[in-house]
């Protein structure tokens, strides 16, 4: 049984919460509607490219092999 003077429990989310970051991003998108398209175009310049498998294989073959412990001096045996 609840205490007679206890206030009723307040719901956990009694009003919707919006962070400052979310508000900022929404405001930015409202001020500049082309923002997402510009971001996608910028991403396409560097990231959304077809991979050149022959070029990657050549790059990996040209890499120098690292010794197991890089600070160990090479010994002549």
N, C-alpha and C. Protein backbone atom coordinates (compact mmCIF):
# COMPACT_ATOMS: atom_id res chain seq x y z
N UNK A 1 0.84 -1.18 0.00
CA UNK A 1 0.00 0.00 0.00
C UNK A 1 0.89 1.24 0.00
N UNK A 2 0.54 2.20 -0.85
CA UNK A 2 1.33 3.42 -0.98
C UNK A 2 1.11 4.33 0.21
N UNK A 3 2.08 5.14 0.48
CA UNK A 3 2.00 6.11 1.56
C UNK A 3 0.93 7.13 1.21
N UNK A 4 0.09 7.54 2.15
CA UNK A 4 -1.02 8.46 1.83
C UNK A 4 -0.55 9.85 1.38
N UNK A 5 0.65 10.28 1.76
CA UNK A 5 1.13 11.60 1.37
C UNK A 5 2.02 11.56 0.13
N UNK A 6 2.28 10.38 -0.37
CA UNK A 6 3.18 10.25 -1.53
C UNK A 6 2.49 10.79 -2.78
N UNK A 7 3.27 11.51 -3.58
CA UNK A 7 2.74 12.05 -4.83
C UNK A 7 2.66 10.93 -5.87
N UNK A 8 1.76 11.04 -6.82
CA UNK A 8 1.68 10.02 -7.84
C UNK A 8 2.98 10.01 -8.66
N UNK A 9 3.35 8.84 -9.12
CA UNK A 9 4.60 8.69 -9.87
C UNK A 9 4.52 9.45 -11.19
N UNK A 10 5.59 10.20 -11.47
CA UNK A 10 5.65 10.95 -12.72
C UNK A 10 6.18 10.02 -13.80
N UNK A 11 5.59 10.06 -14.98
CA UNK A 11 6.09 9.19 -16.04
C UNK A 11 7.54 9.52 -16.37
N UNK A 12 8.28 8.51 -16.81
CA UNK A 12 9.70 8.67 -17.07
C UNK A 12 9.95 9.72 -18.16
N UNK A 13 9.22 9.63 -19.25
CA UNK A 13 9.37 10.60 -20.34
C UNK A 13 8.08 11.42 -20.43
N UNK A 14 7.99 12.41 -19.61
CA UNK A 14 6.77 13.21 -19.58
C UNK A 14 6.74 14.26 -20.67
N UNK A 15 7.89 14.57 -21.28
CA UNK A 15 7.91 15.45 -22.45
C UNK A 15 9.04 14.96 -23.35
N UNK A 16 8.88 15.15 -24.64
CA UNK A 16 9.92 14.65 -25.55
C UNK A 16 11.22 15.43 -25.35
N UNK A 17 12.32 14.70 -25.37
CA UNK A 17 13.64 15.31 -25.18
C UNK A 17 14.33 15.43 -26.53
N UNK A 18 14.93 16.56 -26.79
CA UNK A 18 15.70 16.77 -28.01
C UNK A 18 17.02 17.41 -27.60
N UNK A 19 18.11 16.74 -27.93
CA UNK A 19 19.42 17.24 -27.52
C UNK A 19 19.78 18.49 -28.32
N UNK A 20 20.78 19.20 -27.84
CA UNK A 20 21.25 20.41 -28.54
C UNK A 20 21.82 20.04 -29.90
N UNK A 21 22.49 18.91 -29.97
CA UNK A 21 23.08 18.47 -31.22
C UNK A 21 22.00 18.16 -32.26
N UNK A 22 20.95 17.46 -31.84
CA UNK A 22 19.85 17.15 -32.76
C UNK A 22 19.19 18.44 -33.24
N UNK A 23 18.98 19.37 -32.33
CA UNK A 23 18.38 20.65 -32.71
C UNK A 23 19.26 21.39 -33.71
N UNK A 24 20.57 21.38 -33.46
CA UNK A 24 21.50 22.06 -34.35
C UNK A 24 21.47 21.45 -35.75
N UNK A 25 21.50 20.12 -35.83
CA UNK A 25 21.51 19.46 -37.13
C UNK A 25 20.21 19.71 -37.88
N UNK A 26 19.08 19.65 -37.18
CA UNK A 26 17.80 19.94 -37.83
C UNK A 26 17.75 21.37 -38.34
N UNK A 27 18.27 22.31 -37.55
CA UNK A 27 18.30 23.72 -37.97
C UNK A 27 19.22 23.90 -39.17
N UNK A 28 20.36 23.23 -39.16
CA UNK A 28 21.32 23.31 -40.27
C UNK A 28 20.70 22.78 -41.55
N UNK A 29 20.02 21.65 -41.47
CA UNK A 29 19.36 21.06 -42.64
C UNK A 29 18.23 21.96 -43.14
N UNK A 30 17.54 22.63 -42.22
CA UNK A 30 16.46 23.54 -42.62
C UNK A 30 17.02 24.77 -43.34
N UNK A 31 18.16 25.27 -42.87
CA UNK A 31 18.77 26.44 -43.50
C UNK A 31 19.42 26.11 -44.84
N UNK A 32 19.93 24.88 -44.97
CA UNK A 32 20.64 24.48 -46.18
C UNK A 32 20.09 23.13 -46.66
N UNK A 33 19.02 23.13 -47.43
CA UNK A 33 18.37 21.88 -47.83
C UNK A 33 19.24 21.00 -48.74
N UNK A 34 20.25 21.56 -49.37
CA UNK A 34 21.11 20.78 -50.28
C UNK A 34 22.27 20.12 -49.55
N UNK A 35 22.31 20.23 -48.24
CA UNK A 35 23.44 19.73 -47.45
C UNK A 35 23.68 18.24 -47.65
N UNK A 36 22.64 17.43 -47.55
CA UNK A 36 22.81 15.98 -47.68
C UNK A 36 23.30 15.59 -49.07
N UNK A 37 22.79 16.24 -50.10
CA UNK A 37 23.24 15.95 -51.47
C UNK A 37 24.71 16.32 -51.64
N UNK A 38 25.12 17.44 -51.06
CA UNK A 38 26.52 17.85 -51.13
C UNK A 38 27.42 16.87 -50.38
N UNK A 39 26.96 16.38 -49.24
CA UNK A 39 27.74 15.40 -48.49
C UNK A 39 27.91 14.11 -49.29
N UNK A 40 26.83 13.66 -49.93
CA UNK A 40 26.91 12.44 -50.74
C UNK A 40 27.85 12.63 -51.93
N UNK A 41 27.82 13.81 -52.54
CA UNK A 41 28.72 14.08 -53.67
C UNK A 41 30.18 14.08 -53.20
N UNK A 42 30.44 14.66 -52.05
CA UNK A 42 31.79 14.67 -51.51
C UNK A 42 32.27 13.27 -51.15
N UNK A 43 31.38 12.47 -50.61
CA UNK A 43 31.74 11.09 -50.28
C UNK A 43 32.06 10.31 -51.54
N UNK A 44 31.31 10.54 -52.60
CA UNK A 44 31.51 9.81 -53.86
C UNK A 44 32.88 10.11 -54.47
N UNK A 45 33.44 11.27 -54.17
CA UNK A 45 34.75 11.62 -54.72
C UNK A 45 35.84 10.67 -54.24
N UNK A 46 35.79 10.29 -52.96
CA UNK A 46 36.88 9.50 -52.39
C UNK A 46 36.51 8.07 -52.03
N UNK A 47 35.30 7.84 -51.58
CA UNK A 47 34.96 6.56 -50.99
C UNK A 47 34.19 5.64 -51.91
N UNK A 48 33.26 6.14 -52.66
CA UNK A 48 32.41 5.29 -53.48
C UNK A 48 33.04 5.03 -54.84
N UNK A 49 34.16 4.35 -54.82
CA UNK A 49 34.90 4.06 -56.05
C UNK A 49 35.02 2.55 -56.21
N UNK A 50 35.08 2.11 -57.47
CA UNK A 50 35.31 0.69 -57.72
C UNK A 50 36.77 0.36 -57.38
N UNK A 51 36.98 -0.81 -56.79
CA UNK A 51 38.33 -1.20 -56.39
C UNK A 51 39.08 -1.77 -57.58
N UNK A 52 40.36 -1.43 -57.66
CA UNK A 52 41.24 -1.97 -58.69
C UNK A 52 42.02 -3.12 -58.05
N UNK A 53 41.57 -4.35 -58.28
CA UNK A 53 42.19 -5.52 -57.63
C UNK A 53 43.64 -5.69 -58.04
N UNK A 54 43.96 -5.45 -59.30
CA UNK A 54 45.35 -5.60 -59.76
C UNK A 54 46.23 -4.56 -59.07
N UNK A 55 45.75 -3.34 -58.95
CA UNK A 55 46.52 -2.29 -58.28
C UNK A 55 46.72 -2.60 -56.80
N UNK A 56 45.70 -3.13 -56.14
CA UNK A 56 45.83 -3.50 -54.73
C UNK A 56 46.85 -4.62 -54.55
N UNK A 57 46.80 -5.62 -55.43
CA UNK A 57 47.76 -6.73 -55.33
C UNK A 57 49.18 -6.23 -55.53
N UNK A 58 49.36 -5.32 -56.48
CA UNK A 58 50.68 -4.75 -56.73
C UNK A 58 51.17 -3.96 -55.51
N UNK A 59 50.28 -3.23 -54.90
CA UNK A 59 50.62 -2.44 -53.71
C UNK A 59 51.04 -3.36 -52.56
N UNK A 60 50.31 -4.44 -52.35
CA UNK A 60 50.64 -5.37 -51.28
C UNK A 60 51.96 -6.10 -51.55
N UNK A 61 52.21 -6.45 -52.80
CA UNK A 61 53.46 -7.12 -53.14
C UNK A 61 54.67 -6.21 -52.96
N UNK A 62 54.48 -4.91 -53.14
CA UNK A 62 55.58 -3.95 -53.04
C UNK A 62 55.91 -3.60 -51.59
N UNK A 63 55.02 -3.95 -50.65
CA UNK A 63 55.25 -3.61 -49.24
C UNK A 63 56.41 -4.42 -48.69
N UNK A 64 57.22 -3.78 -47.88
CA UNK A 64 58.35 -4.46 -47.24
C UNK A 64 57.84 -5.29 -46.08
N UNK A 65 58.39 -6.46 -45.92
CA UNK A 65 58.01 -7.32 -44.82
C UNK A 65 58.67 -6.81 -43.54
N UNK A 66 57.89 -6.74 -42.48
CA UNK A 66 58.41 -6.24 -41.21
C UNK A 66 58.90 -7.42 -40.39
N UNK A 67 60.05 -7.24 -39.72
CA UNK A 67 60.56 -8.30 -38.87
C UNK A 67 59.65 -8.46 -37.65
N UNK A 68 59.63 -9.64 -37.04
CA UNK A 68 58.68 -9.91 -35.95
C UNK A 68 58.78 -8.92 -34.79
N UNK A 69 59.97 -8.57 -34.38
CA UNK A 69 60.13 -7.62 -33.30
C UNK A 69 60.91 -6.44 -33.85
N UNK A 70 60.25 -5.33 -34.06
CA UNK A 70 60.84 -4.23 -34.81
C UNK A 70 62.03 -3.57 -34.12
N UNK A 71 62.15 -3.69 -32.79
CA UNK A 71 63.25 -3.04 -32.10
C UNK A 71 64.48 -3.94 -31.94
N UNK A 72 64.35 -5.18 -32.33
CA UNK A 72 65.47 -6.12 -32.24
C UNK A 72 66.46 -5.82 -33.37
N UNK A 73 67.72 -5.74 -33.02
CA UNK A 73 68.72 -5.52 -34.06
C UNK A 73 68.93 -6.81 -34.82
N UNK A 74 69.29 -6.68 -36.07
CA UNK A 74 69.49 -7.86 -36.89
C UNK A 74 70.80 -8.51 -36.51
N UNK A 75 70.78 -9.81 -36.32
CA UNK A 75 71.99 -10.54 -35.96
C UNK A 75 72.43 -11.37 -37.14
N UNK A 76 73.72 -11.49 -37.30
CA UNK A 76 74.28 -12.31 -38.39
C UNK A 76 74.50 -13.72 -37.84
N UNK A 77 73.83 -14.67 -38.39
CA UNK A 77 73.96 -16.05 -37.90
C UNK A 77 74.49 -16.90 -39.02
